[in-house]
């Protein structure tokens, strides 16, 4: 029973993190679409995934998939910030390039989370 509950809790959390990740990206697109020059973008350590990765997520640090989350996650945030900065600089070419980088890194984050979910289900 403890195994089932632990597995369900991790699954629910990691699924929520993937949704949060999509919401964060949507916020970047909303800022760009509304041409909001006052907006700020959280760093990769300030969102739910980043905070979890640095604290309670460390219990999964021995799993290979856990180690593959941080770099693409950081890249998503860097590219999102770069896209917003390019908007503020009226540089559409750089903005589009940054958004493409954000999307590619995002795919890597989601894949890493899916891999972690699979590995945690096998280890709990």
PDB file of N, CA and C in Angstrom:
ATOM      1  N   UNK A   1       0.826  -1.181   0.000  1.00  0.00           N
ATOM      2  CA  UNK A   1       0.000   0.000   0.000  1.00  0.00           C
ATOM      3  C   UNK A   1       0.884   1.265   0.000  1.00  0.00           C
ATOM      4  N   UNK A   2       1.957   1.227   0.779  1.00  0.00           N
ATOM      5  CA  UNK A   2       2.868   2.366   0.835  1.00  0.00           C
ATOM      6  C   UNK A   2       3.487   2.614  -0.540  1.00  0.00           C
ATOM      7  N   UNK A   3       3.819   1.539  -1.239  1.00  0.00           N
ATOM      8  CA  UNK A   3       4.383   1.659  -2.591  1.00  0.00           C
ATOM      9  C   UNK A   3       3.382   2.343  -3.534  1.00  0.00           C
ATOM     10  N   UNK A   4       2.141   1.946  -3.486  1.00  0.00           N
ATOM     11  CA  UNK A   4       1.104   2.500  -4.357  1.00  0.00           C
ATOM     12  C   UNK A   4       0.895   3.985  -4.061  1.00  0.00           C
ATOM     13  N   UNK A   5       0.839   4.344  -2.791  1.00  0.00           N
ATOM     14  CA  UNK A   5       0.629   5.743  -2.395  1.00  0.00           C
ATOM     15  C   UNK A   5       1.834   6.600  -2.807  1.00  0.00           C
ATOM     16  N   UNK A   6       3.033   6.097  -2.550  1.00  0.00           N
ATOM     17  CA  UNK A   6       4.237   6.832  -2.942  1.00  0.00           C
ATOM     18  C   UNK A   6       4.306   7.034  -4.447  1.00  0.00           C
ATOM     19  N   UNK A   7       3.987   5.994  -5.184  1.00  0.00           N
ATOM     20  CA  UNK A   7       3.990   6.060  -6.636  1.00  0.00           C
ATOM     21  C   UNK A   7       2.966   7.075  -7.138  1.00  0.00           C
ATOM     22  N   UNK A   8       1.768   7.059  -6.572  1.00  0.00           N
ATOM     23  CA  UNK A   8       0.713   7.990  -6.983  1.00  0.00           C
ATOM     24  C   UNK A   8       1.097   9.432  -6.682  1.00  0.00           C
ATOM     25  N   UNK A   9       1.720   9.670  -5.537  1.00  0.00           N
ATOM     26  CA  UNK A   9       2.122  11.031  -5.166  1.00  0.00           C
ATOM     27  C   UNK A   9       3.175  11.579  -6.119  1.00  0.00           C
ATOM     28  N   UNK A  10       4.167  10.775  -6.441  1.00  0.00           N
ATOM     29  CA  UNK A  10       5.216  11.212  -7.365  1.00  0.00           C
ATOM     30  C   UNK A  10       4.630  11.441  -8.755  1.00  0.00           C
ATOM     31  N   UNK A  11       3.776  10.537  -9.199  1.00  0.00           N
ATOM     32  CA  UNK A  11       3.143  10.678 -10.511  1.00  0.00           C
ATOM     33  C   UNK A  11       2.323  11.965 -10.576  1.00  0.00           C
ATOM     34  N   UNK A  12       1.530  12.220  -9.548  1.00  0.00           N
ATOM     35  CA  UNK A  12       0.699  13.431  -9.521  1.00  0.00           C
ATOM     36  C   UNK A  12       1.570  14.684  -9.534  1.00  0.00           C
ATOM     37  N   UNK A  13       2.634  14.678  -8.747  1.00  0.00           N
ATOM     38  CA  UNK A  13       3.492  15.860  -8.697  1.00  0.00           C
ATOM     39  C   UNK A  13       4.176  16.106 -10.040  1.00  0.00           C
ATOM     40  N   UNK A  14       4.774  15.083 -10.620  1.00  0.00           N
ATOM     41  CA  UNK A  14       5.499  15.274 -11.880  1.00  0.00           C
ATOM     42  C   UNK A  14       4.556  15.646 -13.026  1.00  0.00           C
ATOM     43  N   UNK A  15       3.340  15.143 -12.989  1.00  0.00           N
ATOM     44  CA  UNK A  15       2.349  15.551 -13.984  1.00  0.00           C
ATOM     45  C   UNK A  15       1.997  17.023 -13.803  1.00  0.00           C
ATOM     46  N   UNK A  16       1.846  17.453 -12.565  1.00  0.00           N
ATOM     47  CA  UNK A  16       1.571  18.863 -12.271  1.00  0.00           C
ATOM     48  C   UNK A  16       2.727  19.741 -12.723  1.00  0.00           C
ATOM     49  N   UNK A  17       3.939  19.284 -12.526  1.00  0.00           N
ATOM     50  CA  UNK A  17       5.121  20.048 -12.949  1.00  0.00           C
ATOM     51  C   UNK A  17       5.111  20.240 -14.465  1.00  0.00           C
ATOM     52  N   UNK A  18       4.735  19.206 -15.202  1.00  0.00           N
ATOM     53  CA  UNK A  18       4.667  19.352 -16.658  1.00  0.00           C
ATOM     54  C   UNK A  18       3.611  20.386 -17.048  1.00  0.00           C
ATOM     55  N   UNK A  19       2.502  20.403 -16.338  1.00  0.00           N
ATOM     56  CA  UNK A  19       1.470  21.420 -16.606  1.00  0.00           C
ATOM     57  C   UNK A  19       1.983  22.816 -16.261  1.00  0.00           C
ATOM     58  N   UNK A  20       2.658  22.944 -15.136  1.00  0.00           N
ATOM     59  CA  UNK A  20       3.241  24.234 -14.752  1.00  0.00           C
ATOM     60  C   UNK A  20       4.220  24.720 -15.808  1.00  0.00           C
ATOM     61  N   UNK A  21       4.973  23.800 -16.344  1.00  0.00           N
ATOM     62  CA  UNK A  21       5.954  24.123 -17.368  1.00  0.00           C
ATOM     63  C   UNK A  21       5.236  24.710 -18.597  1.00  0.00           C
ATOM     64  N   UNK A  22       4.140  24.087 -18.997  1.00  0.00           N
ATOM     65  CA  UNK A  22       3.359  24.587 -20.135  1.00  0.00           C
ATOM     66  C   UNK A  22       2.770  25.962 -19.824  1.00  0.00           C
ATOM     67  N   UNK A  23       2.311  26.154 -18.600  1.00  0.00           N
ATOM     68  CA  UNK A  23       1.762  27.454 -18.202  1.00  0.00           C
ATOM     69  C   UNK A  23       2.853  28.516 -18.243  1.00  0.00           C
ATOM     70  N   UNK A  24       4.054  28.185 -17.793  1.00  0.00           N
ATOM     71  CA  UNK A  24       5.168  29.143 -17.817  1.00  0.00           C
ATOM     72  C   UNK A  24       5.462  29.572 -19.251  1.00  0.00           C
ATOM     73  N   UNK A  25       5.525  28.601 -20.169  1.00  0.00           N
ATOM     74  CA  UNK A  25       5.767  28.931 -21.581  1.00  0.00           C
ATOM     75  C   UNK A  25       4.628  29.785 -22.133  1.00  0.00           C
ATOM     76  N   UNK A  26       3.408  29.443 -21.774  1.00  0.00           N
ATOM     77  CA  UNK A  26       2.256  30.221 -22.228  1.00  0.00           C
ATOM     78  C   UNK A  26       2.369  31.667 -21.756  1.00  0.00           C
ATOM     79  N   UNK A  27       2.897  31.854 -20.566  1.00  0.00           N
ATOM     80  CA  UNK A  27       3.093  33.208 -20.039  1.00  0.00           C
ATOM     81  C   UNK A  27       4.083  33.990 -20.906  1.00  0.00           C
ATOM     82  N   UNK A  28       5.134  33.325 -21.356  1.00  0.00           N
ATOM     83  CA  UNK A  28       6.100  33.978 -22.256  1.00  0.00           C
ATOM     84  C   UNK A  28       5.387  34.421 -23.531  1.00  0.00           C
ATOM     85  N   UNK A  29       4.583  33.532 -24.091  1.00  0.00           N
ATOM     86  CA  UNK A  29       3.853  33.884 -25.319  1.00  0.00           C
ATOM     87  C   UNK A  29       2.838  35.003 -25.067  1.00  0.00           C
ATOM     88  N   UNK A  30       2.209  34.993 -23.907  1.00  0.00           N
ATOM     89  CA  UNK A  30       1.253  36.047 -23.557  1.00  0.00           C
ATOM     90  C   UNK A  30       1.959  37.397 -23.472  1.00  0.00           C
ATOM     91  N   UNK A  31       3.128  37.412 -22.852  1.00  0.00           N
ATOM     92  CA  UNK A  31       3.921  38.650 -22.737  1.00  0.00           C
ATOM     93  C   UNK A  31       4.269  39.176 -24.123  1.00  0.00           C
ATOM     94  N   UNK A  32       4.686  38.280 -24.988  1.00  0.00           N
ATOM     95  CA  UNK A  32       5.056  38.688 -26.345  1.00  0.00           C
ATOM     96  C   UNK A  32       3.834  39.157 -27.119  1.00  0.00           C
ATOM     97  N   UNK A  33       2.753  38.400 -27.019  1.00  0.00           N
ATOM     98  CA  UNK A  33       1.539  38.753 -27.752  1.00  0.00           C
ATOM     99  C   UNK A  33       0.969  40.099 -27.314  1.00  0.00           C
ATOM    100  N   UNK A  34       1.064  40.376 -26.018  1.00  0.00           N
ATOM    101  CA  UNK A  34       0.523  41.640 -25.500  1.00  0.00           C
ATOM    102  C   UNK A  34       1.546  42.771 -25.554  1.00  0.00           C
ATOM    103  N   UNK A  35       2.760  42.446 -26.000  1.00  0.00           N
ATOM    104  CA  UNK A  35       3.831  43.447 -26.098  1.00  0.00           C
ATOM    105  C   UNK A  35       4.068  44.127 -24.744  1.00  0.00           C
ATOM    106  N   UNK A  36       4.092  43.294 -23.702  1.00  0.00           N
ATOM    107  CA  UNK A  36       4.222  43.780 -22.326  1.00  0.00           C
ATOM    108  C   UNK A  36       5.687  44.044 -21.994  1.00  0.00           C
ATOM    109  N   UNK A  37       6.063  45.300 -22.002  1.00  0.00           N
ATOM    110  CA  UNK A  37       7.459  45.679 -21.741  1.00  0.00           C
ATOM    111  C   UNK A  37       7.763  45.797 -20.246  1.00  0.00           C
ATOM    112  N   UNK A  38       6.788  45.517 -19.397  1.00  0.00           N
ATOM    113  CA  UNK A  38       7.011  45.600 -17.949  1.00  0.00           C
ATOM    114  C   UNK A  38       7.115  44.217 -17.307  1.00  0.00           C
ATOM    115  N   UNK A  39       6.903  43.186 -18.086  1.00  0.00           N
ATOM    116  CA  UNK A  39       6.852  41.825 -17.553  1.00  0.00           C
ATOM    117  C   UNK A  39       8.226  41.337 -17.110  1.00  0.00           C
ATOM    118  N   UNK A  40       8.205  40.462 -16.148  1.00  0.00           N
ATOM    119  CA  UNK A  40       9.423  39.795 -15.695  1.00  0.00           C
ATOM    120  C   UNK A  40       9.236  38.286 -15.872  1.00  0.00           C
ATOM    121  N   UNK A  41      10.339  37.608 -16.060  1.00  0.00           N
ATOM    122  CA  UNK A  41      10.336  36.157 -16.274  1.00  0.00           C
ATOM    123  C   UNK A  41      11.119  35.503 -15.144  1.00  0.00           C
ATOM    124  N   UNK A  42      10.509  34.498 -14.514  1.00  0.00           N
ATOM    125  CA  UNK A  42      11.190  33.766 -13.445  1.00  0.00           C
ATOM    126  C   UNK A  42      12.392  33.001 -13.986  1.00  0.00           C
ATOM    127  N   UNK A  43      13.389  32.856 -13.135  1.00  0.00           N
ATOM    128  CA  UNK A  43      14.541  32.031 -13.499  1.00  0.00           C
ATOM    129  C   UNK A  43      14.180  30.557 -13.284  1.00  0.00           C
ATOM    130  N   UNK A  44      15.047  29.686 -13.720  1.00  0.00           N
ATOM    131  CA  UNK A  44      14.787  28.248 -13.598  1.00  0.00           C
ATOM    132  C   UNK A  44      14.793  27.756 -12.159  1.00  0.00           C
ATOM    133  N   UNK A  45      15.295  28.547 -11.249  1.00  0.00           N
ATOM    134  CA  UNK A  45      15.291  28.138  -9.842  1.00  0.00           C
ATOM    135  C   UNK A  45      14.087  28.688  -9.083  1.00  0.00           C
ATOM    136  N   UNK A  46      13.297  29.528  -9.734  1.00  0.00           N
ATOM    137  CA  UNK A  46      12.156  30.159  -9.061  1.00  0.00           C
ATOM    138  C   UNK A  46      10.817  29.482  -9.356  1.00  0.00           C
ATOM    139  N   UNK A  47      10.745  28.665 -10.370  1.00  0.00           N
ATOM    140  CA  UNK A  47       9.484  27.988 -10.689  1.00  0.00           C
ATOM    141  C   UNK A  47       9.355  26.728  -9.822  1.00  0.00           C
ATOM    142  N   UNK A  48       8.198  26.104  -9.886  1.00  0.00           N
ATOM    143  CA  UNK A  48       7.933  24.931  -9.048  1.00  0.00           C
ATOM    144  C   UNK A  48       8.949  23.819  -9.305  1.00  0.00           C
ATOM    145  N   UNK A  49       9.228  23.533 -10.577  1.00  0.00           N
ATOM    146  CA  UNK A  49      10.186  22.475 -10.890  1.00  0.00           C
ATOM    147  C   UNK A  49      11.562  22.809 -10.354  1.00  0.00           C
ATOM    148  N   UNK A  50      12.004  24.042 -10.528  1.00  0.00           N
ATOM    149  CA  UNK A  50      13.326  24.441 -10.042  1.00  0.00           C
ATOM    150  C   UNK A  50      13.451  24.352  -8.534  1.00  0.00           C
ATOM    151  N   UNK A  51      12.413  24.776  -7.826  1.00  0.00           N
ATOM    152  CA  UNK A  51      12.438  24.699  -6.358  1.00  0.00           C
ATOM    153  C   UNK A  51      12.443  23.240  -5.903  1.00  0.00           C
ATOM    154  N   UNK A  52      11.620  22.402  -6.553  1.00  0.00           N
ATOM    155  CA  UNK A  52      11.567  20.992  -6.210  1.00  0.00           C
ATOM    156  C   UNK A  52      12.897  20.315  -6.510  1.00  0.00           C
ATOM    157  N   UNK A  53      13.471  20.633  -7.664  1.00  0.00           N
ATOM    158  CA  UNK A  53      14.727  20.012  -8.090  1.00  0.00           C
ATOM    159  C   UNK A  53      15.833  20.250  -7.069  1.00  0.00           C
ATOM    160  N   UNK A  54      15.832  21.429  -6.462  1.00  0.00           N
ATOM    161  CA  UNK A  54      16.880  21.794  -5.508  1.00  0.00           C
ATOM    162  C   UNK A  54      16.607  21.301  -4.089  1.00  0.00           C
ATOM    163  N   UNK A  55      15.377  20.884  -3.798  1.00  0.00           N
ATOM    164  CA  UNK A  55      15.054  20.505  -2.422  1.00  0.00           C
ATOM    165  C   UNK A  55      14.588  19.052  -2.356  1.00  0.00           C
ATOM    166  N   UNK A  56      13.286  18.836  -2.231  1.00  0.00           N
ATOM    167  CA  UNK A  56      12.787  17.487  -2.013  1.00  0.00           C
ATOM    168  C   UNK A  56      13.046  16.536  -3.180  1.00  0.00           C
ATOM    169  N   UNK A  57      13.227  17.062  -4.374  1.00  0.00           N
ATOM    170  CA  UNK A  57      13.545  16.219  -5.525  1.00  0.00           C
ATOM    171  C   UNK A  57      14.892  15.546  -5.411  1.00  0.00           C
ATOM    172  N   UNK A  58      15.743  16.064  -4.548  1.00  0.00           N
ATOM    173  CA  UNK A  58      17.080  15.488  -4.387  1.00  0.00           C
ATOM    174  C   UNK A  58      17.046  14.024  -3.959  1.00  0.00           C
ATOM    175  N   UNK A  59      15.907  13.580  -3.430  1.00  0.00           N
ATOM    176  CA  UNK A  59      15.818  12.160  -3.063  1.00  0.00           C
ATOM    177  C   UNK A  59      15.876  11.260  -4.298  1.00  0.00           C
ATOM    178  N   UNK A  60      15.685  11.862  -5.489  1.00  0.00           N
ATOM    179  CA  UNK A  60      15.780  11.105  -6.737  1.00  0.00           C
ATOM    180  C   UNK A  60      17.103  11.339  -7.458  1.00  0.00           C
ATOM    181  N   UNK A  61      18.042  11.993  -6.806  1.00  0.00           N
ATOM    182  CA  UNK A  61      19.312  12.368  -7.437  1.00  0.00           C
ATOM    183  C   UNK A  61      20.100  11.164  -7.942  1.00  0.00           C
ATOM    184  N   UNK A  62      19.854   9.997  -7.405  1.00  0.00           N
ATOM    185  CA  UNK A  62      20.586   8.811  -7.851  1.00  0.00           C
ATOM    186  C   UNK A  62      20.038   8.260  -9.175  1.00  0.00           C
ATOM    187  N   UNK A  63      18.883   8.724  -9.589  1.00  0.00           N
ATOM    188  CA  UNK A  63      18.286   8.240 -10.841  1.00  0.00           C
ATOM    189  C   UNK A  63      18.848   9.024 -12.030  1.00  0.00           C
ATOM    190  N   UNK A  64      19.253   8.335 -13.073  1.00  0.00           N
ATOM    191  CA  UNK A  64      19.854   9.028 -14.227  1.00  0.00           C
ATOM    192  C   UNK A  64      18.958  10.121 -14.813  1.00  0.00           C
ATOM    193  N   UNK A  65      17.668   9.895 -14.904  1.00  0.00           N
ATOM    194  CA  UNK A  65      16.766  10.888 -15.512  1.00  0.00           C
ATOM    195  C   UNK A  65      16.731  12.188 -14.719  1.00  0.00           C
ATOM    196  N   UNK A  66      16.905  12.096 -13.415  1.00  0.00           N
ATOM    197  CA  UNK A  66      16.889  13.305 -12.583  1.00  0.00           C
ATOM    198  C   UNK A  66      17.995  14.259 -13.014  1.00  0.00           C
ATOM    199  N   UNK A  67      19.162  13.706 -13.279  1.00  0.00           N
ATOM    200  CA  UNK A  67      20.314  14.537 -13.651  1.00  0.00           C
ATOM    201  C   UNK A  67      20.154  15.187 -15.025  1.00  0.00           C
ATOM    202  N   UNK A  68      19.238  14.679 -15.838  1.00  0.00           N
ATOM    203  CA  UNK A  68      19.034  15.229 -17.182  1.00  0.00           C
ATOM    204  C   UNK A  68      17.952  16.307 -17.239  1.00  0.00           C
ATOM    205  N   UNK A  69      17.410  16.698 -16.112  1.00  0.00           N
ATOM    206  CA  UNK A  69      16.358  17.724 -16.090  1.00  0.00           C
ATOM    207  C   UNK A  69      16.938  19.135 -16.035  1.00  0.00           C
ATOM    208  N   UNK A  70      17.942  19.358 -15.224  1.00  0.00           N
ATOM    209  CA  UNK A  70      18.381  20.713 -14.917  1.00  0.00           C
ATOM    210  C   UNK A  70      18.839  21.516 -16.142  1.00  0.00           C
ATOM    211  N   UNK A  71      19.690  20.962 -16.976  1.00  0.00           N
ATOM    212  CA  UNK A  71      20.229  21.747 -18.098  1.00  0.00           C
ATOM    213  C   UNK A  71      19.152  22.177 -19.095  1.00  0.00           C
ATOM    214  N   UNK A  72      18.303  21.263 -19.587  1.00  0.00           N
ATOM    215  CA  UNK A  72      17.275  21.745 -20.510  1.00  0.00           C
ATOM    216  C   UNK A  72      16.273  22.672 -19.827  1.00  0.00           C
ATOM    217  N   UNK A  73      16.013  22.433 -18.551  1.00  0.00           N
ATOM    218  CA  UNK A  73      15.102  23.308 -17.815  1.00  0.00           C
ATOM    219  C   UNK A  73      15.680  24.722 -17.731  1.00  0.00           C
ATOM    220  N   UNK A  74      16.947  24.806 -17.427  1.00  0.00           N
ATOM    221  CA  UNK A  74      17.624  26.102 -17.395  1.00  0.00           C
ATOM    222  C   UNK A  74      17.585  26.748 -18.779  1.00  0.00           C
ATOM    223  N   UNK A  75      17.800  25.957 -19.823  1.00  0.00           N
ATOM    224  CA  UNK A  75      17.788  26.477 -21.193  1.00  0.00           C
ATOM    225  C   UNK A  75      16.421  27.032 -21.578  1.00  0.00           C
ATOM    226  N   UNK A  76      15.354  26.399 -21.113  1.00  0.00           N
ATOM    227  CA  UNK A  76      14.000  26.904 -21.380  1.00  0.00           C
ATOM    228  C   UNK A  76      13.853  28.313 -20.820  1.00  0.00           C
ATOM    229  N   UNK A  77      14.264  28.486 -19.575  1.00  0.00           N
ATOM    230  CA  UNK A  77      14.116  29.793 -18.928  1.00  0.00           C
ATOM    231  C   UNK A  77      15.024  30.851 -19.561  1.00  0.00           C
ATOM    232  N   UNK A  78      16.237  30.472 -19.883  1.00  0.00           N
ATOM    233  CA  UNK A  78      17.160  31.420 -20.529  1.00  0.00           C
ATOM    234  C   UNK A  78      16.596  31.859 -21.877  1.00  0.00           C
ATOM    235  N   UNK A  79      16.101  30.901 -22.658  1.00  0.00           N
ATOM    236  CA  UNK A  79      15.555  31.235 -23.972  1.00  0.00           C
ATOM    237  C   UNK A  79      14.276  32.059 -23.851  1.00  0.00           C
ATOM    238  N   UNK A  80      13.442  31.744 -22.874  1.00  0.00           N
ATOM    239  CA  UNK A  80      12.224  32.534 -22.660  1.00  0.00           C
ATOM    240  C   UNK A  80      12.553  33.971 -22.300  1.00  0.00           C
ATOM    241  N   UNK A  81      13.531  34.139 -21.411  1.00  0.00           N
ATOM    242  CA  UNK A  81      13.978  35.494 -21.055  1.00  0.00           C
ATOM    243  C   UNK A  81      14.569  36.205 -22.264  1.00  0.00           C
ATOM    244  N   UNK A  82      15.332  35.479 -23.073  1.00  0.00           N
ATOM    245  CA  UNK A  82      15.940  36.075 -24.265  1.00  0.00           C
ATOM    246  C   UNK A  82      14.862  36.509 -25.257  1.00  0.00           C
ATOM    247  N   UNK A  83      13.801  35.731 -25.380  1.00  0.00           N
ATOM    248  CA  UNK A  83      12.714  36.088 -26.292  1.00  0.00           C
ATOM    249  C   UNK A  83      12.030  37.372 -25.836  1.00  0.00           C
ATOM    250  N   UNK A  84      11.782  37.483 -24.541  1.00  0.00           N
ATOM    251  CA  UNK A  84      11.147  38.695 -24.013  1.00  0.00           C
ATOM    252  C   UNK A  84      12.086  39.888 -24.160  1.00  0.00           C
ATOM    253  N   UNK A  85      13.367  39.672 -23.922  1.00  0.00           N
ATOM    254  CA  UNK A  85      14.331  40.761 -24.096  1.00  0.00           C
ATOM    255  C   UNK A  85      14.397  41.199 -25.556  1.00  0.00           C
ATOM    256  N   UNK A  86      14.347  40.252 -26.471  1.00  0.00           N
ATOM    257  CA  UNK A  86      14.350  40.586 -27.896  1.00  0.00           C
ATOM    258  C   UNK A  86      13.093  41.382 -28.260  1.00  0.00           C
ATOM    259  N   UNK A  87      11.972  41.027 -27.658  1.00  0.00           N
ATOM    260  CA  UNK A  87      10.744  41.801 -27.863  1.00  0.00           C
ATOM    261  C   UNK A  87      10.972  43.249 -27.450  1.00  0.00           C
ATOM    262  N   UNK A  88      11.553  43.423 -26.289  1.00  0.00           N
ATOM    263  CA  UNK A  88      11.793  44.766 -25.765  1.00  0.00           C
ATOM    264  C   UNK A  88      12.788  45.535 -26.634  1.00  0.00           C
ATOM    265  N   UNK A  89      13.657  44.822 -27.338  1.00  0.00           N
ATOM    266  CA  UNK A  89      14.632  45.444 -28.232  1.00  0.00           C
ATOM    267  C   UNK A  89      14.104  45.560 -29.665  1.00  0.00           C
ATOM    268  N   UNK A  90      12.838  45.168 -29.850  1.00  0.00           N
ATOM    269  CA  UNK A  90      12.223  45.171 -31.187  1.00  0.00           C
ATOM    270  C   UNK A  90      13.022  44.341 -32.194  1.00  0.00           C
ATOM    271  N   UNK A  91      13.555  43.219 -31.734  1.00  0.00           N
ATOM    272  CA  UNK A  91      14.367  42.326 -32.567  1.00  0.00           C
ATOM    273  C   UNK A  91      13.589  41.032 -32.800  1.00  0.00           C
ATOM    274  N   UNK A  92      12.736  41.050 -33.811  1.00  0.00           N
ATOM    275  CA  UNK A  92      11.871  39.898 -34.075  1.00  0.00           C
ATOM    276  C   UNK A  92      12.647  38.649 -34.488  1.00  0.00           C
ATOM    277  N   UNK A  93      13.729  38.815 -35.194  1.00  0.00           N
ATOM    278  CA  UNK A  93      14.523  37.658 -35.627  1.00  0.00           C
ATOM    279  C   UNK A  93      15.081  36.923 -34.406  1.00  0.00           C
ATOM    280  N   UNK A  94      15.667  37.685 -33.476  1.00  0.00           N
ATOM    281  CA  UNK A  94      16.211  37.069 -32.255  1.00  0.00           C
ATOM    282  C   UNK A  94      15.098  36.486 -31.395  1.00  0.00           C
ATOM    283  N   UNK A  95      13.954  37.155 -31.366  1.00  0.00           N
ATOM    284  CA  UNK A  95      12.829  36.672 -30.572  1.00  0.00           C
ATOM    285  C   UNK A  95      12.367  35.311 -31.092  1.00  0.00           C
ATOM    286  N   UNK A  96      12.217  35.197 -32.394  1.00  0.00           N
ATOM    287  CA  UNK A  96      11.774  33.924 -32.974  1.00  0.00           C
ATOM    288  C   UNK A  96      12.810  32.830 -32.723  1.00  0.00           C
ATOM    289  N   UNK A  97      14.079  33.155 -32.864  1.00  0.00           N
ATOM    290  CA  UNK A  97      15.129  32.180 -32.583  1.00  0.00           C
ATOM    291  C   UNK A  97      15.105  31.719 -31.135  1.00  0.00           C
ATOM    292  N   UNK A  98      14.909  32.665 -30.219  1.00  0.00           N
ATOM    293  CA  UNK A  98      14.848  32.310 -28.795  1.00  0.00           C
ATOM    294  C   UNK A  98      13.625  31.446 -28.495  1.00  0.00           C
ATOM    295  N   UNK A  99      12.506  31.748 -29.130  1.00  0.00           N
ATOM    296  CA  UNK A  99      11.308  30.937 -28.924  1.00  0.00           C
ATOM    297  C   UNK A  99      11.511  29.522 -29.457  1.00  0.00           C
ATOM    298  N   UNK A 100      12.197  29.393 -30.574  1.00  0.00           N
ATOM    299  CA  UNK A 100      12.499  28.058 -31.101  1.00  0.00           C
ATOM    300  C   UNK A 100      13.410  27.289 -30.148  1.00  0.00           C
ATOM    301  N   UNK A 101      14.399  27.970 -29.585  1.00  0.00           N
ATOM    302  CA  UNK A 101      15.283  27.332 -28.601  1.00  0.00           C
ATOM    303  C   UNK A 101      14.493  26.925 -27.361  1.00  0.00           C
ATOM    304  N   UNK A 102      13.578  27.799 -26.927  1.00  0.00           N
ATOM    305  CA  UNK A 102      12.753  27.506 -25.756  1.00  0.00           C
ATOM    306  C   UNK A 102      11.919  26.247 -26.004  1.00  0.00           C
ATOM    307  N   UNK A 103      11.321  26.154 -27.179  1.00  0.00           N
ATOM    308  CA  UNK A 103      10.481  24.997 -27.488  1.00  0.00           C
ATOM    309  C   UNK A 103      11.294  23.711 -27.567  1.00  0.00           C
ATOM    310  N   UNK A 104      12.475  23.766 -28.167  1.00  0.00           N
ATOM    311  CA  UNK A 104      13.312  22.563 -28.247  1.00  0.00           C
ATOM    312  C   UNK A 104      13.749  22.122 -26.853  1.00  0.00           C
ATOM    313  N   UNK A 105      14.189  23.059 -26.044  1.00  0.00           N
ATOM    314  CA  UNK A 105      14.593  22.720 -24.679  1.00  0.00           C
ATOM    315  C   UNK A 105      13.403  22.193 -23.884  1.00  0.00           C
ATOM    316  N   UNK A 106      12.231  22.750 -24.148  1.00  0.00           N
ATOM    317  CA  UNK A 106      11.024  22.309 -23.462  1.00  0.00           C
ATOM    318  C   UNK A 106      10.711  20.847 -23.765  1.00  0.00           C
ATOM    319  N   UNK A 107      10.871  20.460 -25.006  1.00  0.00           N
ATOM    320  CA  UNK A 107      10.664  19.054 -25.362  1.00  0.00           C
ATOM    321  C   UNK A 107      11.616  18.160 -24.568  1.00  0.00           C
ATOM    322  N   UNK A 108      12.845  18.608 -24.405  1.00  0.00           N
ATOM    323  CA  UNK A 108      13.828  17.841 -23.641  1.00  0.00           C
ATOM    324  C   UNK A 108      13.454  17.756 -22.167  1.00  0.00           C
ATOM    325  N   UNK A 109      12.894  18.834 -21.619  1.00  0.00           N
ATOM    326  CA  UNK A 109      12.450  18.826 -20.213  1.00  0.00           C
ATOM    327  C   UNK A 109      11.324  17.819 -20.031  1.00  0.00           C
ATOM    328  N   UNK A 110      10.333  17.878 -20.899  1.00  0.00           N
ATOM    329  CA  UNK A 110       9.190  16.970 -20.778  1.00  0.00           C
ATOM    330  C   UNK A 110       9.647  15.521 -20.915  1.00  0.00           C
ATOM    331  N   UNK A 111      10.547  15.267 -21.844  1.00  0.00           N
ATOM    332  CA  UNK A 111      11.071  13.909 -21.998  1.00  0.00           C
ATOM    333  C   UNK A 111      11.825  13.469 -20.742  1.00  0.00           C
ATOM    334  N   UNK A 112      12.621  14.366 -20.176  1.00  0.00           N
ATOM    335  CA  UNK A 112      13.361  14.031 -18.952  1.00  0.00           C
ATOM    336  C   UNK A 112      12.408  13.762 -17.793  1.00  0.00           C
ATOM    337  N   UNK A 113      11.345  14.543 -17.694  1.00  0.00           N
ATOM    338  CA  UNK A 113      10.356  14.310 -16.626  1.00  0.00           C
ATOM    339  C   UNK A 113       9.658  12.974 -16.847  1.00  0.00           C
ATOM    340  N   UNK A 114       9.295  12.674 -18.089  1.00  0.00           N
ATOM    341  CA  UNK A 114       8.676  11.369 -18.383  1.00  0.00           C
ATOM    342  C   UNK A 114       9.624  10.228 -18.025  1.00  0.00           C
ATOM    343  N   UNK A 115      10.901  10.388 -18.362  1.00  0.00           N
ATOM    344  CA  UNK A 115      11.886   9.361 -18.005  1.00  0.00           C
ATOM    345  C   UNK A 115      12.020   9.228 -16.493  1.00  0.00           C
ATOM    346  N   UNK A 116      12.026  10.361 -15.801  1.00  0.00           N
ATOM    347  CA  UNK A 116      12.097  10.314 -14.346  1.00  0.00           C
ATOM    348  C   UNK A 116      10.885   9.631 -13.766  1.00  0.00           C
ATOM    349  N   UNK A 117       9.734   9.931 -14.304  1.00  0.00           N
ATOM    350  CA  UNK A 117       8.494   9.293 -13.835  1.00  0.00           C
ATOM    351  C   UNK A 117       8.594   7.776 -14.005  1.00  0.00           C
ATOM    352  N   UNK A 118       9.078   7.348 -15.151  1.00  0.00           N
ATOM    353  CA  UNK A 118       9.242   5.925 -15.390  1.00  0.00           C
ATOM    354  C   UNK A 118      10.241   5.314 -14.405  1.00  0.00           C
ATOM    355  N   UNK A 119      11.365   5.999 -14.189  1.00  0.00           N
ATOM    356  CA  UNK A 119      12.376   5.470 -13.272  1.00  0.00           C
ATOM    357  C   UNK A 119      11.895   5.468 -11.826  1.00  0.00           C
ATOM    358  N   UNK A 120      11.143   6.487 -11.430  1.00  0.00           N
ATOM    359  CA  UNK A 120      10.656   6.514 -10.044  1.00  0.00           C
ATOM    360  C   UNK A 120       9.612   5.431  -9.833  1.00  0.00           C
ATOM    361  N   UNK A 121       8.791   5.173 -10.841  1.00  0.00           N
ATOM    362  CA  UNK A 121       7.796   4.104 -10.704  1.00  0.00           C
ATOM    363  C   UNK A 121       8.461   2.753 -10.550  1.00  0.00           C
ATOM    364  N   UNK A 122       9.635   2.613 -11.137  1.00  0.00           N
ATOM    365  CA  UNK A 122      10.377   1.357 -11.025  1.00  0.00           C
ATOM    366  C   UNK A 122      11.165   1.255  -9.723  1.00  0.00           C
ATOM    367  N   UNK A 123      11.413   2.391  -9.069  1.00  0.00           N
ATOM    368  CA  UNK A 123      12.266   2.370  -7.883  1.00  0.00           C
ATOM    369  C   UNK A 123      11.509   2.503  -6.564  1.00  0.00           C
ATOM    370  N   UNK A 124      10.277   2.982  -6.618  1.00  0.00           N
ATOM    371  CA  UNK A 124       9.536   3.184  -5.350  1.00  0.00           C
ATOM    372  C   UNK A 124       9.026   1.861  -4.848  1.00  0.00           C
TER     373      UNK A 124
END
